[in-house]
C-alpha atoms as a PDB file:
ATOM      1  CA  MET A   1     -29.808 -13.962 -46.060  1.00  0.00           C
ATOM      2  CA  LYS A   2     -28.131 -12.916 -42.828  1.00  0.00           C
ATOM      3  CA  ILE A   3     -26.391 -15.825 -41.143  1.00  0.00           C
ATOM      4  CA  LYS A   4     -26.528 -15.795 -37.373  1.00  0.00           C
ATOM      5  CA  THR A   5     -23.333 -16.861 -35.693  1.00  0.00           C
ATOM      6  CA  PRO A   6     -23.881 -18.730 -32.424  1.00  0.00           C
ATOM      7  CA  THR A   7     -22.493 -16.932 -29.402  1.00  0.00           C
ATOM      8  CA  THR A   8     -21.525 -18.194 -26.001  1.00  0.00           C
ATOM      9  CA  ARG A   9     -22.460 -16.200 -22.949  1.00  0.00           C
ATOM     10  CA  PHE A  10     -19.468 -15.872 -20.628  1.00  0.00           C
ATOM     11  CA  PRO A  11     -19.945 -13.943 -17.379  1.00  0.00           C
ATOM     12  CA  LEU A  12     -17.773 -10.852 -17.241  1.00  0.00           C
ATOM     13  CA  ARG A  13     -16.566 -11.641 -13.723  1.00  0.00           C
ATOM     14  CA  ILE A  14     -15.288 -15.071 -14.802  1.00  0.00           C
ATOM     15  CA  LEU A  15     -13.618 -13.551 -17.871  1.00  0.00           C
ATOM     16  CA  LEU A  16     -11.826 -10.944 -15.747  1.00  0.00           C
ATOM     17  CA  SER A  17     -10.743 -13.624 -13.286  1.00  0.00           C
ATOM     18  CA  CYS A  18      -9.252 -15.687 -16.114  1.00  0.00           C
ATOM     19  CA  VAL A  19      -7.405 -12.655 -17.471  1.00  0.00           C
ATOM     20  CA  SER A  20      -6.082 -11.809 -13.987  1.00  0.00           C
ATOM     21  CA  LEU A  21      -4.974 -15.412 -13.522  1.00  0.00           C
ATOM     22  CA  ALA A  22      -3.113 -15.384 -16.819  1.00  0.00           C
ATOM     23  CA  LEU A  23      -1.384 -12.112 -15.985  1.00  0.00           C
ATOM     24  CA  TRP A  24      -0.438 -13.356 -12.503  1.00  0.00           C
ATOM     25  CA  ILE A  25       1.103 -16.515 -13.925  1.00  0.00           C
ATOM     26  CA  ALA A  26       3.007 -14.503 -16.527  1.00  0.00           C
ATOM     27  CA  SER A  27       4.161 -11.913 -13.995  1.00  0.00           C
ATOM     28  CA  PRO A  28       7.943 -11.725 -13.591  1.00  0.00           C
ATOM     29  CA  VAL A  29       7.504 -11.098  -9.843  1.00  0.00           C
ATOM     30  CA  PHE A  30       7.032 -14.817  -9.204  1.00  0.00           C
ATOM     31  CA  ALA A  31       9.701 -16.467 -11.286  1.00  0.00           C
ATOM     32  CA  ASP A  32      12.318 -19.154 -11.395  1.00  0.00           C
ATOM     33  CA  SER A  33      14.894 -18.689 -14.097  1.00  0.00           C
ATOM     34  CA  SER A  34      18.534 -18.533 -15.025  1.00  0.00           C
ATOM     35  CA  SER A  35      20.293 -15.424 -13.790  1.00  0.00           C
ATOM     36  CA  GLY A  36      22.066 -14.868 -17.081  1.00  0.00           C
ATOM     37  CA  SER A  37      25.421 -15.989 -15.680  1.00  0.00           C
ATOM     38  CA  THR A  38      27.846 -17.946 -17.833  1.00  0.00           C
ATOM     39  CA  ASP A  39      27.611 -20.684 -15.203  1.00  0.00           C
ATOM     40  CA  GLY A  40      24.403 -22.533 -16.057  1.00  0.00           C
ATOM     41  CA  ASN A  41      24.071 -23.802 -12.477  1.00  0.00           C
ATOM     42  CA  ILE A  42      23.493 -20.273 -11.077  1.00  0.00           C
ATOM     43  CA  LYS A  43      19.815 -19.331 -11.104  1.00  0.00           C
ATOM     44  CA  THR A  44      17.382 -16.943  -9.442  1.00  0.00           C
ATOM     45  CA  CYS A  45      14.013 -17.539  -7.835  1.00  0.00           C
ATOM     46  CA  THR A  46      11.635 -14.754  -6.813  1.00  0.00           C
ATOM     47  CA  GLY A  47       8.645 -15.276  -4.547  1.00  0.00           C
ATOM     48  CA  LEU A  48       7.238 -15.146  -1.030  1.00  0.00           C
ATOM     49  CA  VAL A  49       9.035 -16.650   1.948  1.00  0.00           C
ATOM     50  CA  SER A  50       6.830 -19.496   3.218  1.00  0.00           C
ATOM     51  CA  ALA A  51       9.154 -20.847   5.934  1.00  0.00           C
ATOM     52  CA  VAL A  52      12.591 -20.145   7.346  1.00  0.00           C
ATOM     53  CA  ASP A  53      14.830 -22.028   9.778  1.00  0.00           C
ATOM     54  CA  SER A  54      17.691 -19.709  10.647  1.00  0.00           C
ATOM     55  CA  THR A  55      19.233 -22.354  12.926  1.00  0.00           C
ATOM     56  CA  GLY A  56      19.161 -25.077  10.308  1.00  0.00           C
ATOM     57  CA  HIS A  57      19.980 -22.587   7.539  1.00  0.00           C
ATOM     58  CA  LEU A  58      16.936 -23.555   5.470  1.00  0.00           C
ATOM     59  CA  LEU A  59      14.615 -21.312   3.460  1.00  0.00           C
ATOM     60  CA  GLU A  60      11.407 -22.151   1.591  1.00  0.00           C
ATOM     61  CA  VAL A  61      10.074 -19.817  -1.099  1.00  0.00           C
ATOM     62  CA  ARG A  62       6.684 -20.049  -2.850  1.00  0.00           C
ATOM     63  CA  TYR A  63       7.222 -18.743  -6.347  1.00  0.00           C
ATOM     64  CA  ALA A  64       3.954 -19.633  -8.124  1.00  0.00           C
ATOM     65  CA  TRP A  65       0.716 -20.790  -6.543  1.00  0.00           C
ATOM     66  CA  LEU A  66       1.652 -23.962  -4.628  1.00  0.00           C
ATOM     67  CA  PHE A  67       5.089 -24.377  -6.194  1.00  0.00           C
ATOM     68  CA  GLN A  68       7.875 -24.062  -3.648  1.00  0.00           C
ATOM     69  CA  LYS A  69      11.611 -24.437  -3.514  1.00  0.00           C
ATOM     70  CA  LYS A  70      13.721 -25.277  -0.495  1.00  0.00           C
ATOM     71  CA  PHE A  71      17.131 -23.634  -0.250  1.00  0.00           C
ATOM     72  CA  HIS A  72      20.129 -24.400   1.912  1.00  0.00           C
ATOM     73  CA  ILE A  73      21.580 -21.055   3.003  1.00  0.00           C
ATOM     74  CA  GLY A  74      25.317 -21.049   2.316  1.00  0.00           C
ATOM     75  CA  SER A  75      27.726 -19.966   5.058  1.00  0.00           C
ATOM     76  CA  ASP A  76      28.888 -17.039   2.906  1.00  0.00           C
ATOM     77  CA  CYS A  77      25.373 -16.054   1.787  1.00  0.00           C
ATOM     78  CA  ALA A  78      25.005 -12.284   1.265  1.00  0.00           C
ATOM     79  CA  TYR A  79      21.855 -10.438   2.327  1.00  0.00           C
ATOM     80  CA  ALA A  80      20.158  -7.268   1.134  1.00  0.00           C
ATOM     81  CA  LEU A  81      17.109  -6.938   3.432  1.00  0.00           C
ATOM     82  CA  LEU A  82      14.947  -3.888   4.089  1.00  0.00           C
ATOM     83  CA  ASP A  83      15.758  -3.873   7.804  1.00  0.00           C
ATOM     84  CA  PRO A  84      19.185  -2.166   8.040  1.00  0.00           C
ATOM     85  CA  VAL A  85      19.908  -3.920  11.353  1.00  0.00           C
ATOM     86  CA  LEU A  86      18.982  -7.539  10.587  1.00  0.00           C
ATOM     87  CA  GLN A  87      21.136  -8.500   7.619  1.00  0.00           C
ATOM     88  CA  ASP A  88      21.195 -12.261   8.130  1.00  0.00           C
ATOM     89  CA  ALA A  89      18.783 -15.210   8.200  1.00  0.00           C
ATOM     90  CA  SER A  90      17.177 -13.863  11.397  1.00  0.00           C
ATOM     91  CA  GLY A  91      15.813 -10.965   9.327  1.00  0.00           C
ATOM     92  CA  LEU A  92      13.775 -13.312   7.120  1.00  0.00           C
ATOM     93  CA  ARG A  93      10.054 -13.879   7.877  1.00  0.00           C
ATOM     94  CA  PRO A  94       7.161 -15.648   6.123  1.00  0.00           C
ATOM     95  CA  GLY A  95       5.356 -13.213   3.852  1.00  0.00           C
ATOM     96  CA  GLN A  96       8.412 -11.302   2.674  1.00  0.00           C
ATOM     97  CA  MET A  97       9.109 -11.062  -1.043  1.00  0.00           C
ATOM     98  CA  VAL A  98      12.655 -12.151  -1.844  1.00  0.00           C
ATOM     99  CA  ARG A  99      14.875 -12.909  -4.805  1.00  0.00           C
ATOM    100  CA  VAL A 100      17.219 -15.816  -4.146  1.00  0.00           C
ATOM    101  CA  VAL A 101      20.400 -16.275  -6.157  1.00  0.00           C
ATOM    102  CA  TYR A 102      21.347 -19.929  -5.850  1.00  0.00           C
ATOM    103  CA  ARG A 103      23.355 -22.765  -7.305  1.00  0.00           C
ATOM    104  CA  ASP A 104      21.824 -26.113  -8.245  1.00  0.00           C
ATOM    105  CA  ALA A 105      24.399 -28.689  -7.074  1.00  0.00           C
ATOM    106  CA  ASP A 106      23.046 -32.033  -8.217  1.00  0.00           C
ATOM    107  CA  GLY A 107      19.546 -31.193  -7.034  1.00  0.00           C
ATOM    108  CA  VAL A 108      20.614 -29.423  -3.831  1.00  0.00           C
ATOM    109  CA  LEU A 109      19.759 -25.709  -4.022  1.00  0.00           C
ATOM    110  CA  VAL A 110      22.362 -23.583  -2.219  1.00  0.00           C
ATOM    111  CA  ALA A 111      21.582 -19.857  -1.764  1.00  0.00           C
ATOM    112  CA  SER A 112      24.464 -17.417  -2.220  1.00  0.00           C
ATOM    113  CA  ARG A 113      22.486 -14.152  -2.078  1.00  0.00           C
ATOM    114  CA  ILE A 114      19.028 -13.209  -0.727  1.00  0.00           C
ATOM    115  CA  ILE A 115      17.500  -9.860  -1.708  1.00  0.00           C
ATOM    116  CA  GLN A 116      14.257  -8.605  -0.147  1.00  0.00           C
ATOM    117  CA  ILE A 117      11.888  -6.882  -2.570  1.00  0.00           C
ATOM    118  CA  PRO A 118       9.441  -4.305  -1.145  1.00  0.00           C
ATOM    119  CA  ILE A 119       5.763  -5.226  -1.564  1.00  0.00           C
ATOM    120  CA  GLN A 120       4.096  -1.891  -2.209  1.00  0.00           C
ATOM    121  CA  VAL A 121       0.435  -1.006  -2.662  1.00  0.00           C
ATOM    122  CA  SER A 122      -1.190   2.391  -3.125  1.00  0.00           C
ATOM    123  CA  GLY A 123      -4.781   3.442  -2.664  1.00  0.00           C
ATOM    124  CA  TRP A 124      -7.323   5.375  -0.617  1.00  0.00           C
ATOM    125  CA  VAL A 125      -7.927   4.771   3.066  1.00  0.00           C
ATOM    126  CA  LYS A 126     -11.515   3.588   3.572  1.00  0.00           C
ATOM    127  CA  SER A 127     -11.428   3.129   7.342  1.00  0.00           C
ATOM    128  CA  VAL A 128      -9.033   2.823  10.278  1.00  0.00           C
ATOM    129  CA  ASP A 129      -9.825   0.715  13.344  1.00  0.00           C
ATOM    130  CA  ARG A 130      -7.469   2.235  15.906  1.00  0.00           C
ATOM    131  CA  THR A 131      -8.466  -0.289  18.569  1.00  0.00           C
ATOM    132  CA  ASN A 132      -7.607  -3.408  16.579  1.00  0.00           C
ATOM    133  CA  PHE A 133      -5.038  -1.686  14.319  1.00  0.00           C
ATOM    134  CA  ILE A 134      -6.866  -2.610  11.099  1.00  0.00           C
ATOM    135  CA  MET A 135      -6.820  -0.408   7.982  1.00  0.00           C
ATOM    136  CA  VAL A 136      -9.119  -0.952   4.994  1.00  0.00           C
ATOM    137  CA  LEU A 137      -7.698   0.271   1.688  1.00  0.00           C
ATOM    138  CA  GLN A 138      -9.334   0.867  -1.691  1.00  0.00           C
ATOM    139  CA  PRO A 139      -6.488   0.022  -4.114  1.00  0.00           C
ATOM    140  CA  SER A 140      -5.537   2.462  -6.852  1.00  0.00           C
ATOM    141  CA  ASP A 141      -6.232  -0.252  -9.437  1.00  0.00           C
ATOM    142  CA  PHE A 142      -9.921  -0.093  -8.372  1.00  0.00           C
ATOM    143  CA  GLY A 143      -9.875  -3.670  -7.099  1.00  0.00           C
ATOM    144  CA  SER A 144     -11.903  -4.773  -4.089  1.00  0.00           C
ATOM    145  CA  ASP A 145     -11.249  -3.278  -0.648  1.00  0.00           C
ATOM    146  CA  ARG A 146      -8.405  -4.948   1.264  1.00  0.00           C
ATOM    147  CA  ARG A 147      -7.717  -5.224   4.987  1.00  0.00           C
ATOM    148  CA  TYR A 148      -4.235  -4.624   6.390  1.00  0.00           C
ATOM    149  CA  GLN A 149      -2.870  -5.203   9.870  1.00  0.00           C
ATOM    150  CA  LEU A 150      -1.086  -2.274  11.495  1.00  0.00           C
ATOM    151  CA  THR A 151       1.247  -2.718  14.450  1.00  0.00           C
ATOM    152  CA  ARG A 152       2.862  -0.413  16.981  1.00  0.00           C
ATOM    153  CA  ALA A 153       6.018  -0.716  14.889  1.00  0.00           C
ATOM    154  CA  THR A 154       4.277   0.524  11.712  1.00  0.00           C
ATOM    155  CA  ARG A 155       5.905   3.781  10.613  1.00  0.00           C
ATOM    156  CA  ILE A 156       3.777   6.602   9.197  1.00  0.00           C
ATOM    157  CA  LEU A 157       5.589   9.196   7.115  1.00  0.00           C
ATOM    158  CA  LEU A 158       3.906  12.466   6.183  1.00  0.00           C
ATOM    159  CA  LEU A 159       4.702  14.839   3.347  1.00  0.00           C
ATOM    160  CA  GLY A 160       8.357  15.854   3.477  1.00  0.00           C
ATOM    161  CA  GLY A 161       9.391  12.740   5.421  1.00  0.00           C
ATOM    162  CA  GLN A 162       7.999  13.979   8.743  1.00  0.00           C
ATOM    163  CA  GLU A 163       7.127  11.224  11.207  1.00  0.00           C
ATOM    164  CA  GLY A 164       3.378  10.889  11.630  1.00  0.00           C
ATOM    165  CA  ALA A 165       1.003   9.136  14.010  1.00  0.00           C
ATOM    166  CA  LEU A 166      -2.007   6.865  13.676  1.00  0.00           C
ATOM    167  CA  SER A 167      -4.246   9.894  14.253  1.00  0.00           C
ATOM    168  CA  ASP A 168      -2.880  11.382  10.991  1.00  0.00           C
ATOM    169  CA  LEU A 169      -4.360   8.470   9.034  1.00  0.00           C
ATOM    170  CA  GLN A 170      -7.883   9.443   7.955  1.00  0.00           C
ATOM    171  CA  PRO A 171     -10.518   8.045   5.533  1.00  0.00           C
ATOM    172  CA  GLY A 172      -9.983   9.505   2.073  1.00  0.00           C
ATOM    173  CA  ASN A 173      -6.211   9.901   2.413  1.00  0.00           C
ATOM    174  CA  HIS A 174      -4.215   8.565  -0.522  1.00  0.00           C
ATOM    175  CA  VAL A 175      -1.312   6.474   0.748  1.00  0.00           C
ATOM    176  CA  SER A 176       1.437   4.163  -0.423  1.00  0.00           C
ATOM    177  CA  ILE A 177       2.189   1.241   1.880  1.00  0.00           C
ATOM    178  CA  THR A 178       4.997  -1.298   2.198  1.00  0.00           C
ATOM    179  CA  CYS A 179       3.833  -4.602   3.613  1.00  0.00           C
ATOM    180  CA  GLU A 180       4.511  -8.305   4.078  1.00  0.00           C
ATOM    181  CA  ARG A 181       2.097 -11.103   3.157  1.00  0.00           C
ATOM    182  CA  PRO A 182       2.203 -13.896   5.713  1.00  0.00           C
ATOM    183  CA  PRO A 183      -0.754 -16.327   5.831  1.00  0.00           C
ATOM    184  CA  GLY A 184      -3.855 -14.357   6.700  1.00  0.00           C
ATOM    185  CA  ILE A 185      -3.968 -10.561   6.648  1.00  0.00           C
ATOM    186  CA  PRO A 186      -0.987  -8.578   5.250  1.00  0.00           C
ATOM    187  CA  ILE A 187       1.094  -6.699   7.828  1.00  0.00           C
ATOM    188  CA  VAL A 188       2.102  -3.080   7.139  1.00  0.00           C
ATOM    189  CA  GLN A 189       5.635  -1.881   7.906  1.00  0.00           C
ATOM    190  CA  LEU A 190       5.482   1.607   6.363  1.00  0.00           C
ATOM    191  CA  ILE A 191       2.762   4.050   5.319  1.00  0.00           C
ATOM    192  CA  ASN A 192       3.653   7.043   3.172  1.00  0.00           C
ATOM    193  CA  GLN A 193       0.915   9.663   3.484  1.00  0.00           C
ATOM    194  CA  THR A 194       2.159  12.110   0.870  1.00  0.00           C
ATOM    195  CA  SER A 195      -0.845  14.435   0.640  1.00  0.00           C
ATOM    196  CA  ALA A 196      -0.567  18.077   1.676  1.00  0.00           C
ATOM    197  CA  THR A 197      -2.970  19.829   4.058  1.00  0.00           C
ATOM    198  CA  PHE A 198      -4.461  23.304   3.667  1.00  0.00           C
ATOM    199  CA  SER A 199      -6.446  24.998   6.422  1.00  0.00           C
ATOM    200  CA  GLY A 200      -8.687  27.904   5.516  1.00  0.00           C
ATOM    201  CA  ALA A 201     -12.177  29.326   5.125  1.00  0.00           C
ATOM    202  CA  LEU A 202     -14.442  28.366   2.226  1.00  0.00           C
ATOM    203  CA  THR A 203     -14.948  31.243  -0.225  1.00  0.00           C
ATOM    204  CA  ALA A 204     -16.641  29.709  -3.308  1.00  0.00           C
ATOM    205  CA  ILE A 205     -18.201  26.441  -4.545  1.00  0.00           C
ATOM    206  CA  ASP A 206     -18.933  25.198  -8.082  1.00  0.00           C
ATOM    207  CA  LEU A 207     -21.153  22.124  -7.719  1.00  0.00           C
ATOM    208  CA  ASP A 208     -21.144  21.362 -11.452  1.00  0.00           C
ATOM    209  CA  GLU A 209     -17.353  21.307 -11.662  1.00  0.00           C
ATOM    210  CA  ARG A 210     -16.980  19.717  -8.193  1.00  0.00           C
ATOM    211  CA  SER A 211     -14.558  22.458  -7.220  1.00  0.00           C
ATOM    212  CA  PHE A 212     -14.203  25.102  -4.545  1.00  0.00           C
ATOM    213  CA  LYS A 213     -11.891  27.798  -3.249  1.00  0.00           C
ATOM    214  CA  ALA A 214     -10.604  28.478   0.246  1.00  0.00           C
ATOM    215  CA  ARG A 215      -8.388  31.122   1.783  1.00  0.00           C
ATOM    216  CA  SER A 216      -6.065  31.252   4.754  1.00  0.00           C
ATOM    217  CA  PHE A 217      -4.316  34.249   6.300  1.00  0.00           C
ATOM    218  CA  PHE A 218      -1.579  34.097   3.676  1.00  0.00           C
ATOM    219  CA  GLU A 219      -3.018  32.640   0.461  1.00  0.00           C
ATOM    220  CA  SER A 220      -6.025  31.409  -1.492  1.00  0.00           C
ATOM    221  CA  LYS A 221      -6.221  28.050  -3.261  1.00  0.00           C
ATOM    222  CA  SER A 222      -8.537  26.354  -5.740  1.00  0.00           C
ATOM    223  CA  PHE A 223      -9.399  22.678  -5.358  1.00  0.00           C
ATOM    224  CA  VAL A 224     -11.077  19.911  -7.380  1.00  0.00           C
ATOM    225  CA  LEU A 225     -12.693  16.919  -5.674  1.00  0.00           C
ATOM    226  CA  GLY A 226     -11.319  13.500  -6.579  1.00  0.00           C
ATOM    227  CA  ASN A 227     -13.712  10.589  -7.113  1.00  0.00           C
ATOM    228  CA  HIS A 228     -12.699   9.077  -3.757  1.00  0.00           C
ATOM    229  CA  CYS A 229     -12.916  12.326  -1.793  1.00  0.00           C
ATOM    230  CA  VAL A 230     -14.375  11.934   1.705  1.00  0.00           C
ATOM    231  CA  ILE A 231     -16.282  14.895   3.136  1.00  0.00           C
ATOM    232  CA  ASP A 232     -16.144  14.215   6.852  1.00  0.00           C
ATOM    233  CA  MET A 233     -17.916  17.162   8.461  1.00  0.00           C
ATOM    234  CA  ASP A 234     -19.891  15.053  10.960  1.00  0.00           C
ATOM    235  CA  GLY A 235     -17.407  12.300  11.772  1.00  0.00           C
ATOM    236  CA  GLU A 236     -19.292   9.823   9.578  1.00  0.00           C
ATOM    237  CA  GLY A 237     -17.750  10.712   6.215  1.00  0.00           C
ATOM    238  CA  HIS A 238     -21.092  10.924   4.409  1.00  0.00           C
ATOM    239  CA  GLY A 239     -21.081  14.637   3.620  1.00  0.00           C
ATOM    240  CA  ARG A 240     -21.614  16.311   0.247  1.00  0.00           C
ATOM    241  CA  LEU A 241     -20.022  19.345  -1.355  1.00  0.00           C
ATOM    242  CA  ALA A 242     -23.407  21.085  -1.185  1.00  0.00           C
ATOM    243  CA  ASP A 243     -23.346  20.701   2.610  1.00  0.00           C
ATOM    244  CA  LEU A 244     -20.434  23.144   2.933  1.00  0.00           C
ATOM    245  CA  ARG A 245     -21.176  26.737   3.839  1.00  0.00           C
ATOM    246  CA  PRO A 246     -19.380  30.015   2.989  1.00  0.00           C
ATOM    247  CA  ASP A 247     -16.693  31.036   5.493  1.00  0.00           C
ATOM    248  CA  GLU A 248     -16.731  27.555   7.045  1.00  0.00           C
ATOM    249  CA  LYS A 249     -13.231  26.717   8.305  1.00  0.00           C
ATOM    250  CA  LEU A 250     -11.888  23.538   6.726  1.00  0.00           C
ATOM    251  CA  ASP A 251      -8.898  21.214   6.738  1.00  0.00           C
ATOM    252  CA  VAL A 252      -8.353  20.091   3.137  1.00  0.00           C
ATOM    253  CA  THR A 253      -6.076  17.164   2.311  1.00  0.00           C
ATOM    254  CA  TYR A 254      -5.005  17.141  -1.324  1.00  0.00           C
ATOM    255  CA  ASP A 255      -2.445  16.026  -3.897  1.00  0.00           C
ATOM    256  CA  ALA A 256      -0.898  18.635  -6.176  1.00  0.00           C
ATOM    257  CA  VAL A 257      -0.864  17.066  -9.652  1.00  0.00           C
ATOM    258  CA  ASN A 258       0.740  19.259 -12.317  1.00  0.00           C
ATOM    259  CA  GLY A 259      -0.726  22.408 -10.834  1.00  0.00           C
ATOM    260  CA  VAL A 260      -4.159  20.952 -10.020  1.00  0.00           C
ATOM    261  CA  ASN A 261      -5.023  20.430  -6.344  1.00  0.00           C
ATOM    262  CA  VAL A 262      -6.963  17.150  -6.207  1.00  0.00           C
ATOM    263  CA  VAL A 263      -8.781  16.778  -2.888  1.00  0.00           C
ATOM    264  CA  ASN A 264      -9.115  13.421  -1.120  1.00  0.00           C
ATOM    265  CA  ARG A 265     -10.519  14.606   2.231  1.00  0.00           C
ATOM    266  CA  ILE A 266     -12.395  17.585   3.682  1.00  0.00           C
ATOM    267  CA  ALA A 267     -13.005  17.962   7.416  1.00  0.00           C
ATOM    268  CA  PRO A 268     -13.684  20.758   9.911  1.00  0.00           C
ATOM    269  CA  ALA A 269     -10.530  22.685  10.781  1.00  0.00           C
ATOM    270  CA  ARG A 270      -8.985  21.288  13.944  1.00  0.00           C
ATOM    271  CA  THR A 271      -8.593  23.690  16.836  1.00  0.00           C
ATOM    272  CA  PRO A 272      -5.320  23.792  18.793  1.00  0.00           C
ATOM    273  CA  GLU A 273      -7.162  22.015  21.636  1.00  0.00           C
ATOM    274  CA  SER A 274      -8.248  19.121  19.411  1.00  0.00           C
ATOM    275  CA  VAL A 275      -4.742  18.751  17.966  1.00  0.00           C
ATOM    276  CA  SER A 276      -3.250  18.647  21.458  1.00  0.00           C
ATOM    277  CA  GLY A 277      -5.802  16.050  22.562  1.00  0.00           C
ATOM    278  CA  ALA A 278      -5.095  13.844  19.550  1.00  0.00           C
ATOM    279  CA  ASN A 279      -1.360  13.987  20.187  1.00  0.00           C
ATOM    280  CA  GLN A 280      -1.821  13.057  23.850  1.00  0.00           C
ATOM    281  CA  ALA A 281      -4.088  10.143  22.954  1.00  0.00           C
ATOM    282  CA  ASN A 282      -1.570   8.888  20.418  1.00  0.00           C
ATOM    283  CA  SER A 283       1.397   9.166  22.804  1.00  0.00           C
ATOM    284  CA  GLY A 284      -0.514   7.181  25.378  1.00  0.00           C
ATOM    285  CA  SER A 285      -1.428   4.383  22.960  1.00  0.00           C
END
């Protein structure tokens, strides 16, 4: 006789949430522990800045959920912040990730070193609201879409370290961002748009393999569409590979991965007039 073992139905979403919660709690990013020094009173705490009083030399850090620690910033406290100019308490802001080296003196926590840790996220640009400076990103870990606040101080670096502009940020681009997480929407300091761009005429398409070839004046390249590739031939981003036509001039944004050109965006080739207009609009913003 086959014995039936009772089973409990557990929604997959709840199960994944529990696993994520467990991993977040176990993550070394938010931690409070001994620094390994021979002096047992010297410890480290890593978490998000929740409040800072540079005048009163006080710093609060949230290191796990609602757990916080308040530090007195010592007069000889050393700083290693991302801003090369502000290397003191005035360079600290809520939402920054920091590691605090401190001494526990009879319950009073005195910071001797504060190190800012970059908060970095990578993913595909879903949309850019250039009026309200909002970017929506599809994370590389395939989590839910996330909104990020851009500012006029947000730097955009293109391939090779060239300074870019907001007009260079397009749906489908794969980017790596450095941000801060104050209450509300995260604020972006730096966007690395590391994809290359190829401009040329379409010469061949393989719909089954989701690949195509294009040629410029100097060379011909083969490309494979990534799963997040945006084909933006009409300004709406809803195009298909089958919509492309032979000899159509294209701008292809791609990442070269071990010899394979993985495409994340296809758009009509920009004319010199359109490039000039975009640059003028950006300089006036």
